[in-house]
C-alpha atoms as a PDB file:
ATOM      1  CA  MET A   1       9.215 -30.928 -43.504  1.00  0.00           C
ATOM      2  CA  LYS A   2      12.970 -30.752 -44.045  1.00  0.00           C
ATOM      3  CA  LYS A   3      14.202 -27.679 -45.876  1.00  0.00           C
ATOM      4  CA  HIS A   4      17.137 -29.321 -47.696  1.00  0.00           C
ATOM      5  CA  GLY A   5      19.359 -32.380 -47.736  1.00  0.00           C
ATOM      6  CA  MET A   6      18.241 -35.989 -47.695  1.00  0.00           C
ATOM      7  CA  LEU A   7      14.454 -36.306 -47.882  1.00  0.00           C
ATOM      8  CA  ASN A   8      14.215 -40.094 -47.582  1.00  0.00           C
ATOM      9  CA  SER A   9      13.240 -40.621 -43.956  1.00  0.00           C
ATOM     10  CA  SER A  10      14.805 -44.092 -43.692  1.00  0.00           C
ATOM     11  CA  ILE A  11      18.166 -42.876 -44.981  1.00  0.00           C
ATOM     12  CA  THR A  12      18.012 -39.757 -42.807  1.00  0.00           C
ATOM     13  CA  LYS A  13      17.440 -41.929 -39.734  1.00  0.00           C
ATOM     14  CA  VAL A  14      20.371 -44.229 -40.559  1.00  0.00           C
ATOM     15  CA  LEU A  15      22.687 -41.264 -41.191  1.00  0.00           C
ATOM     16  CA  ALA A  16      21.676 -39.620 -37.915  1.00  0.00           C
ATOM     17  CA  ASP A  17      22.347 -42.854 -36.030  1.00  0.00           C
ATOM     18  CA  LEU A  18      25.793 -43.547 -37.517  1.00  0.00           C
ATOM     19  CA  GLY A  19      28.763 -43.329 -35.192  1.00  0.00           C
ATOM     20  CA  HIS A  20      32.436 -42.971 -36.043  1.00  0.00           C
ATOM     21  CA  THR A  21      33.628 -45.934 -38.161  1.00  0.00           C
ATOM     22  CA  ASP A  22      30.108 -47.349 -38.708  1.00  0.00           C
ATOM     23  CA  TRP A  23      29.415 -48.683 -42.200  1.00  0.00           C
ATOM     24  CA  LEU A  24      26.692 -47.850 -44.686  1.00  0.00           C
ATOM     25  CA  VAL A  25      26.501 -49.789 -47.965  1.00  0.00           C
ATOM     26  CA  ILE A  26      25.254 -48.430 -51.269  1.00  0.00           C
ATOM     27  CA  ALA A  27      24.493 -51.355 -53.547  1.00  0.00           C
ATOM     28  CA  ASP A  28      23.456 -52.240 -57.051  1.00  0.00           C
ATOM     29  CA  ALA A  29      20.196 -54.110 -57.563  1.00  0.00           C
ATOM     30  CA  GLY A  30      21.853 -57.518 -57.454  1.00  0.00           C
ATOM     31  CA  LEU A  31      23.962 -57.429 -54.298  1.00  0.00           C
ATOM     32  CA  PRO A  32      22.665 -59.925 -51.729  1.00  0.00           C
ATOM     33  CA  VAL A  33      21.762 -58.319 -48.423  1.00  0.00           C
ATOM     34  CA  PRO A  34      22.642 -60.504 -45.434  1.00  0.00           C
ATOM     35  CA  LYS A  35      19.891 -61.546 -43.055  1.00  0.00           C
ATOM     36  CA  GLY A  36      19.590 -59.079 -40.195  1.00  0.00           C
ATOM     37  CA  VAL A  37      21.023 -56.069 -42.064  1.00  0.00           C
ATOM     38  CA  PRO A  38      18.316 -53.467 -42.743  1.00  0.00           C
ATOM     39  CA  LYS A  39      17.686 -52.816 -46.442  1.00  0.00           C
ATOM     40  CA  ILE A  40      16.460 -49.467 -47.709  1.00  0.00           C
ATOM     41  CA  ASP A  41      15.164 -50.360 -51.163  1.00  0.00           C
ATOM     42  CA  LEU A  42      15.153 -47.423 -53.564  1.00  0.00           C
ATOM     43  CA  ALA A  43      15.070 -49.522 -56.762  1.00  0.00           C
ATOM     44  CA  LEU A  44      12.215 -48.467 -59.044  1.00  0.00           C
ATOM     45  CA  THR A  45      13.121 -49.758 -62.494  1.00  0.00           C
ATOM     46  CA  PRO A  46      16.347 -51.104 -63.993  1.00  0.00           C
ATOM     47  CA  GLY A  47      18.849 -48.262 -63.674  1.00  0.00           C
ATOM     48  CA  THR A  48      16.687 -46.007 -61.519  1.00  0.00           C
ATOM     49  CA  PRO A  49      17.940 -44.606 -59.288  1.00  0.00           C
ATOM     50  CA  SER A  50      21.527 -44.953 -60.381  1.00  0.00           C
ATOM     51  CA  PHE A  51      24.405 -45.871 -58.104  1.00  0.00           C
ATOM     52  CA  LYS A  52      26.058 -42.511 -58.845  1.00  0.00           C
ATOM     53  CA  SER A  53      23.003 -40.415 -57.973  1.00  0.00           C
ATOM     54  CA  VAL A  54      22.484 -42.216 -54.665  1.00  0.00           C
ATOM     55  CA  VAL A  55      26.170 -41.994 -53.714  1.00  0.00           C
ATOM     56  CA  LYS A  56      26.168 -38.255 -54.440  1.00  0.00           C
ATOM     57  CA  ALA A  57      22.985 -37.666 -52.412  1.00  0.00           C
ATOM     58  CA  VAL A  58      24.265 -39.637 -49.415  1.00  0.00           C
ATOM     59  CA  CYS A  59      27.682 -37.948 -49.578  1.00  0.00           C
ATOM     60  CA  ASP A  60      26.019 -34.534 -49.342  1.00  0.00           C
ATOM     61  CA  ASP A  61      24.721 -35.548 -45.906  1.00  0.00           C
ATOM     62  CA  MET A  62      27.440 -37.833 -44.494  1.00  0.00           C
ATOM     63  CA  VAL A  63      31.006 -37.420 -43.237  1.00  0.00           C
ATOM     64  CA  ILE A  64      33.006 -40.182 -44.931  1.00  0.00           C
ATOM     65  CA  GLU A  65      36.519 -41.137 -43.881  1.00  0.00           C
ATOM     66  CA  LYS A  66      36.984 -44.326 -45.888  1.00  0.00           C
ATOM     67  CA  VAL A  67      35.378 -46.194 -48.778  1.00  0.00           C
ATOM     68  CA  ILE A  68      35.634 -49.909 -49.494  1.00  0.00           C
ATOM     69  CA  ALA A  69      34.939 -51.375 -52.919  1.00  0.00           C
ATOM     70  CA  ALA A  70      35.423 -54.710 -54.625  1.00  0.00           C
ATOM     71  CA  GLU A  71      38.796 -55.237 -56.287  1.00  0.00           C
ATOM     72  CA  GLU A  72      36.925 -56.558 -59.341  1.00  0.00           C
ATOM     73  CA  VAL A  73      35.506 -53.095 -60.118  1.00  0.00           C
ATOM     74  CA  LYS A  74      38.922 -52.181 -61.558  1.00  0.00           C
ATOM     75  CA  VAL A  75      38.425 -54.526 -64.521  1.00  0.00           C
ATOM     76  CA  GLY A  76      34.692 -55.255 -64.365  1.00  0.00           C
ATOM     77  CA  ASN A  77      33.389 -51.681 -64.283  1.00  0.00           C
ATOM     78  CA  PRO A  78      35.966 -48.993 -65.121  1.00  0.00           C
ATOM     79  CA  ASP A  79      33.228 -46.346 -65.353  1.00  0.00           C
ATOM     80  CA  GLN A  80      32.226 -46.860 -61.717  1.00  0.00           C
ATOM     81  CA  LEU A  81      35.892 -47.037 -60.706  1.00  0.00           C
ATOM     82  CA  ALA A  82      36.489 -43.618 -62.303  1.00  0.00           C
ATOM     83  CA  PHE A  83      33.429 -42.247 -60.500  1.00  0.00           C
ATOM     84  CA  LEU A  84      34.568 -43.619 -57.133  1.00  0.00           C
ATOM     85  CA  ASN A  85      38.081 -42.234 -57.619  1.00  0.00           C
ATOM     86  CA  GLU A  86      36.649 -38.828 -58.515  1.00  0.00           C
ATOM     87  CA  GLN A  87      34.155 -38.822 -55.639  1.00  0.00           C
ATOM     88  CA  PHE A  88      36.560 -40.219 -53.017  1.00  0.00           C
ATOM     89  CA  PRO A  89      40.162 -39.358 -53.906  1.00  0.00           C
ATOM     90  CA  ASN A  90      42.649 -41.219 -51.698  1.00  0.00           C
ATOM     91  CA  LEU A  91      39.888 -42.776 -49.548  1.00  0.00           C
ATOM     92  CA  ILE A  92      39.264 -46.100 -51.333  1.00  0.00           C
ATOM     93  CA  ALA A  93      40.430 -49.495 -50.145  1.00  0.00           C
ATOM     94  CA  PHE A  94      39.820 -52.547 -52.330  1.00  0.00           C
ATOM     95  CA  VAL A  95      38.982 -56.088 -51.218  1.00  0.00           C
ATOM     96  CA  PRO A  96      37.963 -59.203 -53.172  1.00  0.00           C
ATOM     97  CA  HIS A  97      34.243 -59.221 -53.971  1.00  0.00           C
ATOM     98  CA  GLU A  98      33.616 -62.336 -51.895  1.00  0.00           C
ATOM     99  CA  ASP A  99      35.207 -60.595 -48.882  1.00  0.00           C
ATOM    100  CA  PHE A 100      33.153 -57.465 -49.628  1.00  0.00           C
ATOM    101  CA  LYS A 101      29.931 -59.493 -49.440  1.00  0.00           C
ATOM    102  CA  LYS A 102      30.960 -60.899 -46.047  1.00  0.00           C
ATOM    103  CA  MET A 103      31.897 -57.442 -44.754  1.00  0.00           C
ATOM    104  CA  ILE A 104      28.424 -56.015 -45.346  1.00  0.00           C
ATOM    105  CA  GLU A 105      27.143 -58.249 -42.544  1.00  0.00           C
ATOM    106  CA  LYS A 106      28.578 -55.563 -40.216  1.00  0.00           C
ATOM    107  CA  ALA A 107      26.846 -52.648 -41.959  1.00  0.00           C
ATOM    108  CA  LYS A 108      24.209 -50.559 -40.212  1.00  0.00           C
ATOM    109  CA  ALA A 109      22.144 -50.646 -43.434  1.00  0.00           C
ATOM    110  CA  VAL A 110      22.256 -51.343 -47.162  1.00  0.00           C
ATOM    111  CA  ILE A 111      20.746 -48.862 -49.585  1.00  0.00           C
ATOM    112  CA  ARG A 112      19.663 -50.760 -52.711  1.00  0.00           C
ATOM    113  CA  THR A 113      19.666 -48.778 -55.944  1.00  0.00           C
ATOM    114  CA  GLY A 114      18.295 -49.732 -59.350  1.00  0.00           C
ATOM    115  CA  GLU A 115      21.833 -49.900 -60.770  1.00  0.00           C
ATOM    116  CA  MET A 116      22.331 -52.789 -63.171  1.00  0.00           C
ATOM    117  CA  THR A 117      26.090 -52.713 -63.772  1.00  0.00           C
ATOM    118  CA  ALA A 118      28.596 -55.083 -62.168  1.00  0.00           C
ATOM    119  CA  TYR A 119      30.395 -54.147 -58.945  1.00  0.00           C
ATOM    120  CA  SER A 120      28.441 -50.919 -58.430  1.00  0.00           C
ATOM    121  CA  ASN A 121      28.712 -51.217 -54.669  1.00  0.00           C
ATOM    122  CA  CYS A 122      30.622 -49.487 -51.907  1.00  0.00           C
ATOM    123  CA  ILE A 123      30.895 -49.410 -48.169  1.00  0.00           C
ATOM    124  CA  LEU A 124      31.021 -45.897 -46.730  1.00  0.00           C
ATOM    125  CA  GLN A 125      32.758 -45.631 -43.375  1.00  0.00           C
ATOM    126  CA  ALA A 126      31.474 -42.789 -41.231  1.00  0.00           C
ATOM    127  CA  GLY A 127      33.865 -40.130 -40.067  1.00  0.00           C
ATOM    128  CA  VAL A 128      33.309 -37.239 -37.691  1.00  0.00           C
ATOM    129  CA  PHE A 129      32.903 -33.558 -38.446  1.00  0.00           C
ATOM    130  CA  PHE A 130      34.971 -32.351 -35.472  1.00  0.00           C
END
């Protein structure tokens, strides 16, 4: 058994397999997952687990060099925007939500949370620790 860090075996496997510039998506409960992209479904009940708690847990175990979020989060969910800015200062790029949904086709996996607020999604681009 692992001593610390990510305990979810599916997420641990994805993180271990990520290479530099690979993408991992953390999504709210409503984001459509494209066919062929593995989905790790953590959703239990509406709101559980939250987008914030999953982002924090993944960030503890992943080197992140860039974050991509939907432009619409700026108006549609200022609370999540503040969280993303706090969690990832100077790392966030914004794209239209329709473009965001197309981009996730290239992700290594999507982690689905129980989050029920609009635009609570991000693409985490893997960096390197050396």
